[in-house]
N, C-alpha and C. Protein backbone atom coordinates (compact mmCIF):
# COMPACT_ATOMS: atom_id res chain seq x y z
N MET A 1 21.30 -16.99 -26.68
CA MET A 1 22.04 -15.77 -27.60
C MET A 1 22.10 -14.81 -26.58
N SER A 2 23.38 -13.95 -26.60
CA SER A 2 23.52 -12.80 -25.70
C SER A 2 23.16 -11.60 -26.47
N LYS A 3 22.65 -10.55 -25.76
CA LYS A 3 22.46 -9.39 -26.19
C LYS A 3 23.14 -8.49 -25.53
N SER A 4 23.81 -7.46 -26.50
CA SER A 4 24.62 -6.04 -25.96
C SER A 4 24.06 -5.08 -26.69
N SER A 5 24.17 -4.02 -25.91
CA SER A 5 23.85 -2.64 -26.42
C SER A 5 24.99 -1.79 -26.04
N PHE A 6 25.15 -0.58 -26.72
CA PHE A 6 26.34 0.31 -26.79
C PHE A 6 25.63 1.57 -26.75
N ILE A 7 26.07 2.50 -25.79
CA ILE A 7 25.44 3.84 -25.74
C ILE A 7 26.78 4.75 -25.84
N PHE A 8 26.64 5.67 -26.91
CA PHE A 8 27.72 6.55 -27.03
C PHE A 8 27.21 8.05 -26.68
N LEU A 9 27.66 8.50 -25.78
CA LEU A 9 27.29 9.84 -25.61
C LEU A 9 28.19 10.90 -26.07
N GLU A 10 29.26 10.67 -26.90
CA GLU A 10 30.01 11.50 -27.79
C GLU A 10 30.32 11.05 -29.12
N SER A 11 29.98 12.11 -29.86
CA SER A 11 30.38 11.90 -31.34
C SER A 11 31.88 11.47 -31.53
N ALA A 12 32.09 10.90 -32.80
CA ALA A 12 33.57 10.46 -32.91
C ALA A 12 34.31 11.51 -33.36
N SER A 13 35.52 11.76 -33.10
CA SER A 13 36.36 12.71 -33.50
C SER A 13 37.24 12.04 -34.52
N LYS A 14 38.24 12.74 -35.05
CA LYS A 14 39.10 12.11 -36.06
C LYS A 14 39.91 11.10 -35.43
N GLU A 15 40.38 11.39 -34.44
CA GLU A 15 41.46 10.43 -33.79
C GLU A 15 40.55 9.10 -32.78
N GLU A 16 39.48 9.45 -32.26
CA GLU A 16 38.92 8.53 -31.48
C GLU A 16 37.69 8.29 -32.10
N GLN A 17 37.30 6.85 -32.17
CA GLN A 17 36.07 6.28 -32.74
C GLN A 17 35.31 5.65 -31.72
N PRO A 18 34.38 6.18 -31.12
CA PRO A 18 33.75 5.52 -29.82
C PRO A 18 33.20 4.23 -30.41
N VAL A 19 32.62 4.04 -31.58
CA VAL A 19 32.00 3.03 -32.23
C VAL A 19 32.96 1.84 -32.25
N GLN A 20 34.19 1.88 -32.11
CA GLN A 20 35.13 0.89 -32.40
C GLN A 20 34.64 -0.47 -31.31
N GLU A 21 34.20 -0.09 -30.13
CA GLU A 21 34.09 -1.00 -29.26
C GLU A 21 32.89 -1.84 -29.76
N ALA A 22 31.86 -1.33 -30.51
CA ALA A 22 30.68 -2.03 -31.17
C ALA A 22 31.34 -2.58 -32.23
N ILE A 23 32.16 -2.34 -32.99
CA ILE A 23 32.69 -3.09 -34.06
C ILE A 23 33.58 -4.18 -33.50
N ASP A 24 34.32 -4.03 -32.54
CA ASP A 24 34.98 -4.99 -32.01
C ASP A 24 34.33 -6.32 -31.41
N TYR A 25 33.11 -5.89 -30.92
CA TYR A 25 32.03 -6.75 -30.34
C TYR A 25 31.41 -7.52 -31.49
N CYS A 26 31.19 -6.80 -32.74
CA CYS A 26 30.46 -7.56 -33.77
C CYS A 26 31.46 -8.43 -34.78
N VAL A 27 32.92 -8.07 -34.75
CA VAL A 27 33.76 -8.84 -35.50
C VAL A 27 34.21 -10.22 -34.84
N ASN A 28 33.87 -10.19 -33.45
CA ASN A 28 34.39 -11.29 -32.82
C ASN A 28 33.35 -12.44 -33.15
N SER A 29 33.88 -13.58 -33.83
CA SER A 29 33.19 -14.73 -34.30
C SER A 29 32.35 -15.35 -33.11
N LYS A 30 32.73 -15.40 -31.86
CA LYS A 30 31.88 -15.99 -30.95
C LYS A 30 30.47 -15.33 -30.77
N ASN A 31 30.43 -14.14 -31.24
CA ASN A 31 29.06 -13.33 -31.04
C ASN A 31 28.22 -13.52 -32.34
N ASP A 32 28.74 -14.21 -33.48
CA ASP A 32 27.84 -14.55 -34.54
C ASP A 32 26.98 -13.33 -35.08
N ILE A 33 27.68 -12.15 -35.22
CA ILE A 33 26.77 -11.01 -35.73
C ILE A 33 27.04 -10.88 -37.15
N GLN A 34 25.88 -10.71 -37.93
CA GLN A 34 25.85 -10.67 -39.36
C GLN A 34 25.46 -9.23 -39.95
N LEU A 35 24.89 -8.51 -39.20
CA LEU A 35 24.39 -7.24 -39.48
C LEU A 35 24.60 -6.08 -38.53
N PHE A 36 25.09 -4.91 -38.85
CA PHE A 36 25.40 -3.75 -37.94
C PHE A 36 24.58 -2.66 -38.56
N ILE A 37 23.53 -2.40 -37.78
CA ILE A 37 22.71 -1.31 -38.25
C ILE A 37 22.89 0.02 -37.60
N ILE A 38 23.03 1.14 -38.33
CA ILE A 38 23.18 2.45 -37.75
C ILE A 38 22.13 3.53 -38.33
N LYS A 39 22.11 4.46 -37.49
CA LYS A 39 21.15 5.44 -38.04
C LYS A 39 21.61 6.04 -39.28
N SER A 40 22.77 6.46 -39.36
CA SER A 40 23.37 7.41 -40.52
C SER A 40 24.79 7.43 -40.48
N ILE A 41 25.39 7.57 -41.70
CA ILE A 41 26.88 7.64 -41.56
C ILE A 41 27.34 8.60 -40.60
N ASP A 42 26.76 9.84 -40.64
CA ASP A 42 27.15 11.00 -39.74
C ASP A 42 27.24 10.60 -38.24
N ARG A 43 26.22 9.60 -37.95
CA ARG A 43 26.38 9.09 -36.50
C ARG A 43 27.34 7.96 -36.12
N PHE A 44 27.65 7.38 -37.18
CA PHE A 44 28.62 6.28 -37.22
C PHE A 44 30.19 7.08 -36.92
N THR A 45 30.50 8.00 -37.71
CA THR A 45 31.62 8.63 -37.70
C THR A 45 31.77 9.90 -38.27
N ARG A 46 32.32 10.89 -37.72
CA ARG A 46 32.63 12.26 -38.39
C ARG A 46 34.04 12.42 -38.79
N GLY A 47 34.66 11.39 -38.98
CA GLY A 47 36.26 11.28 -39.59
C GLY A 47 36.41 11.34 -40.81
N GLY A 48 35.30 11.43 -41.69
CA GLY A 48 35.64 11.70 -43.13
C GLY A 48 35.55 10.25 -43.59
N SER A 49 35.84 10.06 -45.09
CA SER A 49 35.70 8.94 -45.80
C SER A 49 36.67 8.01 -45.42
N TYR A 50 37.71 8.53 -45.22
CA TYR A 50 39.03 7.53 -44.78
C TYR A 50 38.70 6.83 -43.46
N LEU A 51 38.31 7.31 -42.55
CA LEU A 51 38.17 6.72 -41.35
C LEU A 51 36.91 5.86 -41.44
N TYR A 52 35.86 6.36 -42.16
CA TYR A 52 34.50 5.57 -42.41
C TYR A 52 34.66 4.22 -43.02
N ASP A 53 35.71 4.35 -44.34
CA ASP A 53 36.19 3.30 -44.91
C ASP A 53 36.85 2.05 -44.19
N GLY A 54 37.66 2.77 -43.28
CA GLY A 54 38.31 1.55 -42.56
C GLY A 54 37.58 0.95 -41.46
N LEU A 55 36.68 1.74 -40.91
CA LEU A 55 35.64 0.98 -40.04
C LEU A 55 34.66 0.18 -40.62
N LYS A 56 34.29 0.35 -41.89
CA LYS A 56 33.42 -0.52 -42.66
C LYS A 56 34.08 -1.64 -43.08
N MET A 57 35.45 -1.63 -43.35
CA MET A 57 36.29 -2.63 -43.85
C MET A 57 36.49 -3.78 -42.68
N GLN A 58 36.69 -3.07 -41.67
CA GLN A 58 36.84 -4.14 -40.31
C GLN A 58 35.56 -4.99 -40.22
N LEU A 59 34.48 -4.51 -40.47
CA LEU A 59 33.21 -5.18 -40.53
C LEU A 59 33.12 -6.26 -41.71
N GLU A 60 33.44 -5.73 -42.70
CA GLU A 60 33.46 -6.44 -44.14
C GLU A 60 34.23 -7.70 -44.21
N ARG A 61 35.54 -7.47 -43.54
CA ARG A 61 36.50 -8.71 -43.60
C ARG A 61 36.07 -9.91 -42.67
N LYS A 62 35.22 -9.40 -41.76
CA LYS A 62 34.49 -10.74 -41.10
C LYS A 62 33.21 -10.95 -41.20
N GLY A 63 32.85 -10.39 -42.40
CA GLY A 63 31.46 -10.87 -42.91
C GLY A 63 30.13 -10.24 -42.25
N VAL A 64 30.49 -9.17 -41.61
CA VAL A 64 29.42 -8.38 -40.93
C VAL A 64 28.99 -7.25 -41.99
N LYS A 65 27.59 -7.06 -42.37
CA LYS A 65 27.35 -6.09 -43.43
C LYS A 65 26.84 -4.90 -42.54
N LEU A 66 27.28 -3.60 -43.05
CA LEU A 66 26.89 -2.48 -42.59
C LEU A 66 25.83 -1.69 -43.28
N ILE A 67 24.77 -1.37 -42.53
CA ILE A 67 23.44 -0.74 -43.19
C ILE A 67 23.35 0.46 -42.31
N ASP A 68 22.52 1.55 -43.08
CA ASP A 68 22.14 2.41 -42.46
C ASP A 68 20.53 2.56 -42.82
N ILE A 69 19.65 3.19 -41.72
CA ILE A 69 18.23 3.27 -41.92
C ILE A 69 17.80 4.29 -42.95
N TYR A 70 18.40 4.92 -43.57
CA TYR A 70 18.31 5.68 -44.65
C TYR A 70 18.54 5.03 -46.13
N GLY A 71 19.19 4.08 -46.10
CA GLY A 71 19.35 3.32 -47.33
C GLY A 71 20.62 4.00 -48.17
N VAL A 72 21.44 4.85 -47.45
CA VAL A 72 22.76 5.14 -48.19
C VAL A 72 23.67 4.06 -48.50
N ILE A 73 23.79 3.34 -47.52
CA ILE A 73 24.94 2.31 -47.41
C ILE A 73 24.16 0.98 -48.20
N GLY A 74 24.73 0.54 -49.12
CA GLY A 74 24.15 -0.81 -49.88
C GLY A 74 25.03 -1.87 -49.72
N THR A 75 24.40 -3.19 -49.84
CA THR A 75 25.17 -4.32 -49.66
C THR A 75 25.30 -4.93 -51.12
N GLN A 76 24.72 -4.51 -52.07
CA GLN A 76 24.97 -5.12 -53.47
C GLN A 76 26.44 -4.84 -54.04
N GLN A 77 27.07 -5.82 -54.40
CA GLN A 77 28.33 -5.82 -55.38
C GLN A 77 27.90 -6.29 -56.67
N ILE A 78 28.55 -5.59 -57.69
CA ILE A 78 28.58 -5.77 -58.81
C ILE A 78 29.82 -6.13 -59.59
N ASN A 79 29.87 -7.27 -60.07
CA ASN A 79 31.05 -7.85 -60.84
C ASN A 79 31.06 -7.37 -62.36
N THR A 80 31.69 -6.70 -62.70
CA THR A 80 31.93 -6.07 -64.08
C THR A 80 32.24 -7.25 -65.18
N LEU A 81 32.88 -8.52 -64.64
CA LEU A 81 33.11 -9.47 -65.48
C LEU A 81 32.42 -10.69 -65.08
N GLU A 82 31.31 -10.43 -64.68
CA GLU A 82 30.52 -11.74 -64.32
C GLU A 82 30.18 -12.43 -65.80
N HIS A 83 29.87 -11.71 -66.79
CA HIS A 83 29.54 -12.42 -68.10
C HIS A 83 30.62 -13.26 -68.59
N LEU A 84 31.76 -13.22 -67.93
CA LEU A 84 32.94 -13.97 -68.45
C LEU A 84 33.26 -15.00 -67.40
N GLY A 85 32.44 -15.04 -66.47
CA GLY A 85 32.76 -16.24 -65.46
C GLY A 85 33.85 -15.99 -64.54
N VAL A 86 34.52 -14.85 -64.45
CA VAL A 86 35.61 -14.39 -63.41
C VAL A 86 35.34 -13.21 -62.73
N SER A 87 36.22 -13.17 -61.78
CA SER A 87 36.04 -12.13 -60.69
C SER A 87 37.45 -11.66 -60.14
N PHE A 88 37.71 -10.40 -60.10
CA PHE A 88 38.94 -10.05 -59.56
C PHE A 88 38.47 -8.78 -58.55
N ASP A 89 39.45 -8.55 -57.47
CA ASP A 89 39.05 -7.33 -56.39
C ASP A 89 38.70 -6.23 -57.39
N TRP A 90 39.71 -5.77 -58.54
CA TRP A 90 39.18 -4.52 -59.24
C TRP A 90 37.89 -4.57 -59.98
N SER A 91 37.47 -5.79 -60.26
CA SER A 91 36.07 -5.92 -61.18
C SER A 91 34.91 -5.90 -60.17
N VAL A 92 34.98 -5.95 -59.19
CA VAL A 92 33.81 -5.78 -58.15
C VAL A 92 33.76 -4.54 -57.49
N TYR A 93 32.72 -4.09 -57.60
CA TYR A 93 32.39 -2.65 -56.97
C TYR A 93 31.08 -2.54 -56.39
N SER A 94 30.80 -1.58 -55.35
CA SER A 94 29.52 -1.23 -54.83
C SER A 94 28.91 -0.13 -55.50
N PRO A 95 27.59 -0.08 -55.91
CA PRO A 95 27.32 1.06 -56.66
C PRO A 95 26.93 2.10 -55.68
N THR A 96 26.88 1.91 -54.33
CA THR A 96 26.58 2.99 -53.34
C THR A 96 27.82 3.71 -52.81
N LYS A 97 29.09 3.05 -53.05
CA LYS A 97 30.17 3.55 -52.43
C LYS A 97 30.48 4.96 -52.46
N LYS A 98 30.13 5.55 -53.78
CA LYS A 98 30.43 7.09 -54.01
C LYS A 98 29.44 7.94 -53.04
N SER A 99 28.15 7.30 -53.00
CA SER A 99 27.29 8.08 -52.04
C SER A 99 27.69 8.13 -50.54
N GLU A 100 28.21 6.66 -50.29
CA GLU A 100 28.67 6.69 -48.77
C GLU A 100 29.99 7.59 -48.54
N ILE A 101 30.71 7.56 -49.58
CA ILE A 101 32.00 8.41 -49.24
C ILE A 101 31.65 9.98 -49.09
N LEU A 102 30.74 10.50 -49.92
CA LEU A 102 30.39 11.86 -50.04
C LEU A 102 29.44 12.04 -48.65
N GLU A 103 28.74 11.13 -48.17
CA GLU A 103 27.86 11.49 -46.79
C GLU A 103 29.01 11.44 -45.78
N ALA A 104 30.06 10.44 -45.89
CA ALA A 104 31.03 10.66 -44.85
C ALA A 104 31.75 11.85 -44.78
N GLU A 105 32.21 12.52 -46.01
CA GLU A 105 32.98 13.82 -46.05
C GLU A 105 32.07 14.99 -45.55
N ARG A 106 30.60 14.77 -45.81
CA ARG A 106 29.66 15.72 -45.56
C ARG A 106 29.74 15.92 -43.98
N ALA A 107 29.66 14.74 -43.42
CA ALA A 107 29.61 14.50 -41.87
C ALA A 107 30.81 15.11 -41.38
N LYS A 108 31.97 14.92 -41.90
CA LYS A 108 33.34 15.49 -41.47
C LYS A 108 33.23 17.10 -41.63
N ASP A 109 32.73 17.64 -42.70
CA ASP A 109 32.70 19.01 -42.73
C ASP A 109 31.49 19.61 -42.01
N GLU A 110 30.72 18.86 -41.62
CA GLU A 110 29.57 19.48 -40.60
C GLU A 110 30.09 19.44 -39.29
N MET A 111 30.93 18.72 -38.83
CA MET A 111 31.23 18.35 -37.51
C MET A 111 31.27 19.60 -36.51
N PRO A 112 31.83 20.86 -37.07
CA PRO A 112 31.89 22.14 -36.15
C PRO A 112 30.63 22.43 -35.90
N ARG A 113 29.52 22.29 -36.81
CA ARG A 113 28.13 22.69 -36.49
C ARG A 113 27.77 22.05 -35.17
N TYR A 114 28.05 20.98 -34.85
CA TYR A 114 27.42 20.19 -33.66
C TYR A 114 27.98 20.70 -32.50
N TYR A 115 28.96 21.50 -32.63
CA TYR A 115 29.49 22.10 -31.34
C TYR A 115 29.15 23.66 -31.05
N VAL A 116 28.10 23.96 -31.61
CA VAL A 116 27.87 25.45 -31.66
C VAL A 116 27.53 25.86 -30.13
N LYS A 117 26.67 24.82 -29.38
CA LYS A 117 26.50 25.23 -28.03
C LYS A 117 26.19 23.77 -27.34
N ASN A 118 27.19 23.55 -26.39
CA ASN A 118 26.84 22.27 -25.65
C ASN A 118 25.76 22.50 -24.61
N ASP A 119 24.57 21.93 -24.52
CA ASP A 119 23.86 22.27 -23.43
C ASP A 119 23.74 21.10 -22.60
N TRP A 120 24.84 20.73 -21.95
CA TRP A 120 24.86 19.52 -21.28
C TRP A 120 25.02 20.00 -19.67
N SER A 121 24.00 20.20 -19.22
CA SER A 121 23.97 20.55 -17.60
C SER A 121 24.41 19.50 -16.61
N ARG A 122 25.05 19.91 -15.64
CA ARG A 122 25.53 18.91 -14.67
C ARG A 122 24.52 17.90 -14.25
N ASN A 123 23.18 18.27 -14.25
CA ASN A 123 22.17 17.53 -13.87
C ASN A 123 21.52 16.64 -14.99
N SER A 124 22.13 16.68 -16.26
CA SER A 124 21.54 15.99 -17.26
C SER A 124 22.51 14.89 -17.43
N ALA A 125 21.89 13.75 -17.77
CA ALA A 125 22.73 12.38 -17.96
C ALA A 125 23.13 12.25 -19.43
N THR A 126 22.47 13.05 -20.27
CA THR A 126 22.87 12.91 -21.62
C THR A 126 23.13 14.39 -22.28
N PRO A 127 24.03 14.40 -23.06
CA PRO A 127 24.32 15.84 -23.54
C PRO A 127 23.13 16.29 -24.86
N GLU A 128 22.82 17.48 -24.80
CA GLU A 128 21.94 18.01 -25.80
C GLU A 128 22.67 19.02 -26.64
N TRP A 129 22.74 18.86 -28.00
CA TRP A 129 23.19 19.73 -28.86
C TRP A 129 22.40 20.72 -29.37
N VAL A 130 22.42 21.87 -28.97
CA VAL A 130 21.53 22.99 -29.42
C VAL A 130 21.86 23.61 -30.81
N ILE A 131 21.09 23.34 -32.00
CA ILE A 131 21.35 24.06 -33.12
C ILE A 131 20.25 24.93 -33.63
N GLY A 132 20.49 26.05 -33.67
CA GLY A 132 19.36 26.83 -33.79
C GLY A 132 18.37 26.85 -32.86
N SER A 133 17.07 26.42 -33.21
CA SER A 133 16.06 26.26 -32.27
C SER A 133 15.74 24.69 -31.98
N GLU A 134 16.53 23.81 -32.48
CA GLU A 134 16.36 22.43 -32.30
C GLU A 134 17.37 21.78 -31.35
N LYS A 135 16.80 20.81 -30.59
CA LYS A 135 17.62 20.06 -29.58
C LYS A 135 17.73 18.75 -30.41
N HIS A 136 18.90 18.24 -30.28
CA HIS A 136 19.35 17.00 -31.01
C HIS A 136 20.07 16.10 -29.74
N HIS A 137 19.58 14.95 -29.47
CA HIS A 137 20.20 14.26 -28.64
C HIS A 137 21.26 13.48 -29.46
N THR A 138 22.35 13.22 -28.80
CA THR A 138 23.33 12.37 -29.45
C THR A 138 23.17 10.77 -29.30
N VAL A 139 22.68 10.30 -30.55
CA VAL A 139 22.30 8.97 -30.56
C VAL A 139 22.86 8.31 -31.70
N LEU A 140 23.59 7.13 -31.36
CA LEU A 140 23.95 6.21 -32.73
C LEU A 140 22.88 5.47 -33.15
């Protein structure tokens, strides 16, 4: 079994999604990845719900489940027609989808807050974003 890790020093912008490299690795069938674990949706993308949904769909189409450590992203699917023994694309939904979308939009709205002050000195290997009196390392 091979092990790969991905280090992201920058947060995603609307156009560029640094996490795409990790997604490409996970959806490659030779790597046999079944679970993609992230800290939180705002660390996964700051591009809003549209980009979040697109990134998540890339994983789901290949059978890779996306979860976060806070439990916002769920893996349960509910079929509203299960009692009839049938299933359609429109009859199956995720009970956490609305929360995921709201969190992705919140991350997009808060993006400028992370650029208050970039305390990335030339001697530092990783950036630290200073927000108020707290320092936050950019970690996925």
